């Protein structure tokens, strides 16, 4: 005989079934949600072998709707810069006006027009990601600064490809280098400044690969330096640092640029630090003399980075090809680390929290 349930009993049965179904489904849904919020790791095209140091700027594949070019992944600049001839359907893309970007390390001035388009980046293992539409500088001409270190003017240059992922570069010949032009801060799932998304705007740079997009746990093991906001640019200000040559005190404090795009270090220091320690290179440029100890220490109130090396020590993988002195003691105190700093630590940038992080390698 069929038993007729009361409405209350029926409702209780439905609620019990719903709880059982939720208990079965929620772990799977949570796992799927966590997977969707993980960053993507791209191995460099020129990654060093396991255990070997990185000595050259890392490269990734870059495509703007056309063929893939090998592009330098540069934390020392901001924005994608690519030859107009390498952009598929260039004439049909939305054009946002003329633009230019100067690489102060070389003295090259990239001139062209800004277009808005997604960009696809590819690692050595075939892993790829495609950004949201961002501003890309389509280069139609290369000019040179008056005292450029390495530059040759070109009309309609081909195979130009730079992947600028840095910050705080607007004040160094890179006008308008805002977070909206940084490809690593514009993936689907990421938010915008002031409105975080499911995937954190940031990245972790290592000797062999980069992880684009931050999720919970990615900052583990990193000593973090809090950055200050730059209201004029809408970006974060540069990383604070203090520098000392040959143990001279007081240390000179200014800003640090983590620069994976170069192997030559550029230093701007007061004469009290460089007096008697500077020589002329074979090309006549002022450089720090071999055998001089350089200490890179945290800025006021910071806990990282901190490392030191002896200029010219070829056995130390952290040592740059040269330590060039710029500004003749009259410019703000500054250092770029070069890509070889990655042999001392991994590097994290969190654009949502406004922090950089440094994780020392195990001895």
Protein backbone atom coordinates (compact mmCIF):
# COMPACT_ATOMS: atom_id res chain seq x y z
CA UNK A 1 0.00 0.00 0.00
CA UNK A 2 1.40 3.45 -0.91
CA UNK A 3 2.03 5.75 2.04
CA UNK A 4 1.03 9.40 1.58
CA UNK A 5 3.60 11.82 3.13
CA UNK A 6 2.63 15.05 4.80
CA UNK A 7 3.86 18.33 3.20
CA UNK A 8 6.28 18.81 6.10
CA UNK A 9 7.77 15.35 5.68
CA UNK A 10 8.11 15.85 1.92
CA UNK A 11 9.91 19.19 2.44
CA UNK A 12 12.26 17.59 4.96
CA UNK A 13 13.11 14.87 2.46
CA UNK A 14 13.83 17.43 -0.25
CA UNK A 15 16.12 19.42 2.05
CA UNK A 16 18.00 16.27 3.05
CA UNK A 17 18.51 15.32 -0.60
CA UNK A 18 19.76 18.84 -1.36
CA UNK A 19 22.31 18.65 1.45
CA UNK A 20 23.60 15.28 0.25
CA UNK A 21 23.89 16.58 -3.33
CA UNK A 22 25.70 19.71 -2.11
CA UNK A 23 28.14 17.61 -0.10
CA UNK A 24 28.96 15.64 -3.23
CA UNK A 25 29.21 18.56 -5.63
CA UNK A 26 30.81 21.39 -3.62
CA UNK A 27 34.32 19.84 -3.40
CA UNK A 28 34.37 19.35 -7.18
CA UNK A 29 33.08 22.85 -7.78
CA UNK A 30 35.64 24.28 -5.37
CA UNK A 31 38.43 22.39 -7.13
CA UNK A 32 37.25 23.65 -10.50
CA UNK A 33 37.05 27.21 -9.20
CA UNK A 34 40.57 27.00 -7.77
CA UNK A 35 41.89 25.69 -11.09
CA UNK A 36 40.23 28.57 -12.92
CA UNK A 37 42.02 31.04 -10.65
CA UNK A 38 45.52 29.65 -11.11
CA UNK A 39 48.10 31.57 -13.08
CA UNK A 40 49.78 30.15 -16.17
CA UNK A 41 53.47 29.25 -16.17
CA UNK A 42 55.41 29.94 -19.37
CA UNK A 43 58.93 28.43 -19.68
CA UNK A 44 61.34 30.77 -21.47
CA UNK A 45 62.33 29.95 -25.02
CA UNK A 46 65.98 30.36 -23.97
CA UNK A 47 65.69 29.00 -20.43
CA UNK A 48 68.98 27.75 -18.95
CA UNK A 49 69.28 24.04 -18.08
CA UNK A 50 68.20 22.88 -14.63
CA UNK A 51 70.61 24.18 -12.00
CA UNK A 52 72.39 26.54 -14.42
CA UNK A 53 72.34 30.33 -13.97
CA UNK A 54 70.48 32.68 -16.26
CA UNK A 55 72.87 35.05 -18.04
CA UNK A 56 70.78 36.54 -20.86
CA UNK A 57 67.40 38.32 -20.96
CA UNK A 58 64.57 35.74 -21.09
CA UNK A 59 62.41 35.43 -24.21
CA UNK A 60 58.85 34.32 -24.94
CA UNK A 61 56.86 33.91 -28.14
CA UNK A 62 54.75 36.97 -28.99
CA UNK A 63 52.01 37.17 -31.60
CA UNK A 64 49.64 40.00 -32.46
CA UNK A 65 47.31 38.10 -34.73
CA UNK A 66 50.11 36.93 -37.00
CA UNK A 67 53.39 35.04 -36.88
CA UNK A 68 55.11 34.37 -33.57
CA UNK A 69 58.19 36.45 -32.81
CA UNK A 70 60.80 35.90 -30.10
CA UNK A 71 60.34 38.80 -27.66
CA UNK A 72 62.45 39.84 -24.68
CA UNK A 73 60.47 39.69 -21.43
CA UNK A 74 61.51 43.00 -19.92
CA UNK A 75 60.68 44.05 -16.35
CA UNK A 76 62.53 47.30 -17.10
CA UNK A 77 59.85 48.69 -19.46
CA UNK A 78 56.09 48.65 -19.80
CA UNK A 79 53.95 47.71 -22.78
CA UNK A 80 54.09 45.60 -25.91
CA UNK A 81 56.22 47.05 -28.71
CA UNK A 82 56.15 45.29 -32.08
CA UNK A 83 56.83 46.10 -35.72
CA UNK A 84 53.74 47.32 -37.55
CA UNK A 85 54.65 44.87 -40.32
CA UNK A 86 54.26 41.99 -37.84
CA UNK A 87 50.66 42.83 -36.88
CA UNK A 88 48.06 40.93 -38.88
CA UNK A 89 45.39 43.27 -40.26
CA UNK A 90 47.24 46.31 -38.91
CA UNK A 91 45.37 48.80 -41.11
CA UNK A 92 41.98 47.54 -39.89
CA UNK A 93 42.73 47.73 -36.16
CA UNK A 94 41.43 50.63 -34.03
CA UNK A 95 44.23 53.24 -34.02
CA UNK A 96 44.57 55.36 -30.88
CA UNK A 97 47.00 57.98 -32.10
CA UNK A 98 50.77 58.35 -32.42
CA UNK A 99 53.07 57.02 -29.74
CA UNK A 100 56.69 56.51 -28.81
CA UNK A 101 58.75 54.73 -26.19
CA UNK A 102 62.42 55.23 -25.36
CA UNK A 103 64.68 52.52 -23.96
CA UNK A 104 67.10 54.53 -21.84
CA UNK A 105 69.60 51.65 -21.55
CA UNK A 106 70.21 51.60 -25.31
CA UNK A 107 68.97 55.04 -26.40
CA UNK A 108 66.53 53.62 -28.98
CA UNK A 109 63.33 55.60 -29.57
CA UNK A 110 60.47 53.49 -30.89
CA UNK A 111 57.98 55.59 -32.86
CA UNK A 112 54.68 54.55 -34.38
CA UNK A 113 50.98 54.39 -33.57
CA UNK A 114 49.01 52.76 -30.80
CA UNK A 115 46.52 50.08 -31.76
CA UNK A 116 44.16 48.13 -29.53
CA UNK A 117 44.32 44.36 -29.87
CA UNK A 118 44.74 41.14 -27.87
CA UNK A 119 48.25 39.72 -27.61
CA UNK A 120 49.17 36.03 -27.45
CA UNK A 121 52.24 34.90 -25.51
CA UNK A 122 53.76 31.42 -25.77
CA UNK A 123 56.28 29.47 -23.69
CA UNK A 124 58.81 26.87 -24.78
CA UNK A 125 56.46 23.99 -23.97
CA UNK A 126 53.64 25.41 -26.08
CA UNK A 127 51.67 26.84 -23.15
CA UNK A 128 50.07 30.09 -24.27
CA UNK A 129 47.84 32.86 -23.00
CA UNK A 130 45.93 35.63 -24.72
CA UNK A 131 45.39 38.99 -23.10
CA UNK A 132 42.35 41.20 -23.16
CA UNK A 133 42.58 43.93 -25.84
CA UNK A 134 45.38 46.30 -24.78
CA UNK A 135 47.30 49.21 -26.28
CA UNK A 136 50.18 48.01 -28.44
CA UNK A 137 52.81 50.31 -29.94
CA UNK A 138 53.05 49.41 -33.64
CA UNK A 139 56.54 50.59 -34.58
CA UNK A 140 57.02 52.31 -37.94
CA UNK A 141 60.38 54.01 -37.25
CA UNK A 142 63.35 53.81 -34.86
CA UNK A 143 65.26 56.96 -33.91
CA UNK A 144 68.16 57.39 -31.50
CA UNK A 145 68.93 59.62 -28.54
CA UNK A 146 71.82 62.02 -29.10
CA UNK A 147 74.17 59.94 -26.95
CA UNK A 148 72.65 56.53 -27.52
CA UNK A 149 74.74 53.57 -26.36
CA UNK A 150 73.45 51.06 -28.90
CA UNK A 151 71.16 52.31 -31.65
CA UNK A 152 70.77 52.48 -35.42
CA UNK A 153 67.97 54.55 -37.00
CA UNK A 154 65.56 52.54 -39.15
CA UNK A 155 62.56 53.22 -41.31
CA UNK A 156 59.84 50.53 -41.35
CA UNK A 157 61.81 48.23 -39.03
CA UNK A 158 61.04 44.53 -39.05
CA UNK A 159 61.05 41.91 -36.29
CA UNK A 160 60.89 44.39 -33.42
CA UNK A 161 59.31 42.58 -30.44
CA UNK A 162 59.52 43.67 -26.81
CA UNK A 163 57.34 42.50 -23.96
CA UNK A 164 57.45 45.19 -21.27
CA UNK A 165 55.98 43.99 -17.95
CA UNK A 166 57.47 46.51 -15.52
CA UNK A 167 56.00 49.34 -13.49
CA UNK A 168 57.02 52.87 -12.41
CA UNK A 169 58.46 53.58 -15.86
CA UNK A 170 56.36 56.59 -16.89
CA UNK A 171 58.99 59.04 -15.63
CA UNK A 172 61.82 57.46 -17.64
CA UNK A 173 61.08 58.35 -21.27
CA UNK A 174 58.00 56.08 -21.27
CA UNK A 175 55.02 58.44 -21.16
CA UNK A 176 51.68 56.81 -20.53
CA UNK A 177 53.22 53.49 -19.47
CA UNK A 178 50.19 52.69 -17.32
CA UNK A 179 49.05 49.32 -15.93
CA UNK A 180 46.45 49.09 -18.70
CA UNK A 181 49.29 48.54 -21.21
CA UNK A 182 51.04 45.81 -19.25
CA UNK A 183 50.17 42.45 -20.89
CA UNK A 184 50.80 40.51 -17.67
CA UNK A 185 48.16 42.57 -15.84
CA UNK A 186 45.42 42.14 -18.43
CA UNK A 187 44.40 38.50 -18.59
CA UNK A 188 40.77 37.35 -18.62
CA UNK A 189 39.74 36.84 -15.00
CA UNK A 190 41.89 39.68 -13.73
CA UNK A 191 40.31 42.81 -12.32
CA UNK A 192 41.25 46.45 -12.70
CA UNK A 193 43.05 48.88 -10.38
CA UNK A 194 40.88 49.20 -7.30
CA UNK A 195 38.61 46.29 -8.25
CA UNK A 196 40.39 42.91 -7.93
CA UNK A 197 39.24 39.96 -10.02
CA UNK A 198 39.30 36.21 -9.50
CA UNK A 199 42.93 36.11 -10.69
CA UNK A 200 45.44 38.48 -9.09
CA UNK A 201 47.14 41.04 -11.32
CA UNK A 202 50.79 40.12 -11.05
CA UNK A 203 53.49 37.57 -11.77
CA UNK A 204 56.41 35.57 -10.41
CA UNK A 205 59.67 35.64 -12.39
CA UNK A 206 62.19 32.82 -12.01
CA UNK A 207 65.38 31.74 -13.79
CA UNK A 208 63.58 29.33 -16.13
CA UNK A 209 59.97 30.51 -16.29
CA UNK A 210 57.38 33.11 -15.37
CA UNK A 211 53.96 32.54 -13.80
CA UNK A 212 51.42 35.10 -15.02
CA UNK A 213 48.51 35.75 -12.67
CA UNK A 214 48.61 35.36 -8.89
CA UNK A 215 46.53 33.05 -6.74
CA UNK A 216 46.50 32.18 -3.05
CA UNK A 217 49.86 30.88 -1.88
CA UNK A 218 51.97 32.34 -4.69
CA UNK A 219 53.59 34.85 -2.30
CA UNK A 220 54.76 32.14 0.10
CA UNK A 221 58.44 32.47 0.99
CA UNK A 222 58.79 35.98 -0.44
CA UNK A 223 60.08 38.91 1.61
CA UNK A 224 57.80 41.72 0.52
CA UNK A 225 58.38 45.43 0.05
CA UNK A 226 55.35 47.70 0.19
CA UNK A 227 55.19 50.25 -2.63
CA UNK A 228 53.68 53.72 -2.53
CA UNK A 229 51.09 54.93 -5.03
CA UNK A 230 52.01 57.46 -7.71
CA UNK A 231 48.83 59.53 -8.18
CA UNK A 232 50.20 61.33 -11.25
CA UNK A 233 50.63 58.12 -13.27
CA UNK A 234 48.08 55.78 -11.66
CA UNK A 235 50.94 53.33 -11.15
CA UNK A 236 53.03 52.21 -8.19
CA UNK A 237 56.22 54.10 -7.38
CA UNK A 238 59.61 52.41 -7.76
CA UNK A 239 61.08 50.00 -5.22
CA UNK A 240 63.16 51.69 -2.46
CA UNK A 241 66.78 50.60 -2.03
CA UNK A 242 70.08 51.61 -0.40
CA UNK A 243 73.48 51.13 -2.05
CA UNK A 244 77.03 51.10 -0.82
CA UNK A 245 80.34 50.75 -2.68
CA UNK A 246 83.30 49.25 -0.82
CA UNK A 247 81.42 49.48 2.49
CA UNK A 248 81.25 53.27 2.42
CA UNK A 249 78.83 54.90 4.84
CA UNK A 250 76.31 56.28 4.92
CA UNK A 251 74.71 54.18 2.22
CA UNK A 252 73.06 56.06 -0.64
CA UNK A 253 69.31 55.46 -0.74
CA UNK A 254 67.10 55.78 -3.80
CA UNK A 255 65.20 53.40 -6.09
CA UNK A 256 65.73 49.96 -7.61
CA UNK A 257 64.62 48.68 -10.99
CA UNK A 258 64.38 44.92 -11.40
CA UNK A 259 65.45 44.85 -15.05
CA UNK A 260 65.44 41.51 -16.86
CA UNK A 261 66.00 43.22 -20.21
CA UNK A 262 69.72 43.98 -19.76
CA UNK A 263 72.97 42.43 -18.57
CA UNK A 264 74.78 45.73 -17.85
CA UNK A 265 73.98 47.42 -14.54
CA UNK A 266 73.42 51.18 -14.46
CA UNK A 267 74.20 53.02 -11.24
CA UNK A 268 73.55 56.61 -10.27
CA UNK A 269 75.41 57.40 -7.05
CA UNK A 270 76.76 60.49 -5.25
CA UNK A 271 80.45 61.27 -5.66
CA UNK A 272 81.08 60.34 -2.02
CA UNK A 273 80.34 56.74 -3.00
CA UNK A 274 82.19 56.60 -6.32
CA UNK A 275 85.26 58.77 -5.65
CA UNK A 276 88.36 56.72 -6.44
CA UNK A 277 86.34 53.68 -7.47
CA UNK A 278 85.45 54.69 -11.03
CA UNK A 279 87.49 53.95 -14.15
CA UNK A 280 86.91 54.29 -17.90
CA UNK A 281 85.82 51.28 -19.92
CA UNK A 282 87.37 50.42 -23.29
CA UNK A 283 84.66 52.60 -24.87
CA UNK A 284 85.37 55.51 -22.53
CA UNK A 285 82.28 55.10 -20.33
CA UNK A 286 82.63 55.49 -16.54
CA UNK A 287 82.27 52.14 -14.75
CA UNK A 288 82.88 50.77 -11.28
CA UNK A 289 86.38 49.29 -11.03
CA UNK A 290 86.74 45.51 -10.85
CA UNK A 291 87.25 44.25 -7.32
CA UNK A 292 84.84 46.77 -5.79
CA UNK A 293 82.17 45.34 -3.50
CA UNK A 294 78.60 46.56 -4.13
CA UNK A 295 75.96 46.01 -1.44
CA UNK A 296 72.29 46.28 -2.44
CA UNK A 297 70.19 46.64 0.71
CA UNK A 298 66.57 47.35 1.63
CA UNK A 299 65.30 50.88 1.51
CA UNK A 300 64.08 52.54 4.71
CA UNK A 301 61.46 50.39 6.40
CA UNK A 302 61.84 47.48 3.96
CA UNK A 303 63.13 43.96 4.57
CA UNK A 304 64.22 42.97 1.05
CA UNK A 305 66.08 42.77 -1.30
CA UNK A 306 69.56 42.34 0.12
CA UNK A 307 72.53 40.92 -1.73
CA UNK A 308 76.10 41.87 -2.56
CA UNK A 309 78.77 41.00 -5.10
CA UNK A 310 82.25 41.95 -6.23
CA UNK A 311 82.33 43.74 -9.58
CA UNK A 312 84.21 41.72 -12.20
CA UNK A 313 83.96 38.37 -10.36
CA UNK A 314 83.16 36.07 -13.28
CA UNK A 315 82.65 33.10 -10.95
CA UNK A 316 79.60 34.74 -9.33
CA UNK A 317 76.48 34.39 -11.54
CA UNK A 318 74.88 37.46 -9.95
CA UNK A 319 77.60 39.79 -11.24
CA UNK A 320 76.54 41.89 -14.26
CA UNK A 321 78.68 42.25 -17.37
CA UNK A 322 79.60 45.75 -16.17
CA UNK A 323 78.45 48.29 -13.60
CA UNK A 324 78.14 51.56 -15.52
CA UNK A 325 77.99 54.89 -13.70
CA UNK A 326 75.52 57.45 -15.03
CA UNK A 327 74.52 60.97 -14.06
CA UNK A 328 77.94 62.09 -12.74
CA UNK A 329 76.59 62.30 -9.22
CA UNK A 330 73.80 64.71 -10.16
CA UNK A 331 70.93 62.32 -10.90
CA UNK A 332 68.63 60.67 -8.34
CA UNK A 333 70.17 57.59 -6.73
CA UNK A 334 69.24 54.53 -8.77
CA UNK A 335 70.24 50.98 -9.69
CA UNK A 336 68.94 48.42 -12.15
CA UNK A 337 69.68 44.88 -11.10
CA UNK A 338 70.06 43.25 -14.54
CA UNK A 339 68.61 39.85 -15.33
CA UNK A 340 71.39 38.17 -13.34
CA UNK A 341 69.74 39.14 -10.06
CA UNK A 342 67.43 36.19 -10.77
CA UNK A 343 70.39 33.99 -9.85
CA UNK A 344 70.02 35.32 -6.29
CA UNK A 345 66.24 35.30 -5.90
CA UNK A 346 62.84 34.87 -7.54
CA UNK A 347 60.90 38.08 -8.08
CA UNK A 348 57.21 38.77 -7.48
CA UNK A 349 55.08 41.78 -8.44
CA UNK A 350 51.55 42.11 -7.07
CA UNK A 351 49.83 45.06 -8.75
CA UNK A 352 46.65 44.66 -6.68
CA UNK A 353 48.38 44.79 -3.28
CA UNK A 354 51.14 47.16 -4.40
CA UNK A 355 54.08 45.00 -3.31
CA UNK A 356 57.18 43.43 -4.78
CA UNK A 357 58.69 40.28 -3.32
CA UNK A 358 62.10 38.63 -3.29
CA UNK A 359 62.55 34.93 -2.47
CA UNK A 360 66.20 33.93 -2.00
CA UNK A 361 67.33 30.71 -3.60
CA UNK A 362 68.37 27.88 -1.29
CA UNK A 363 72.17 27.82 -0.79
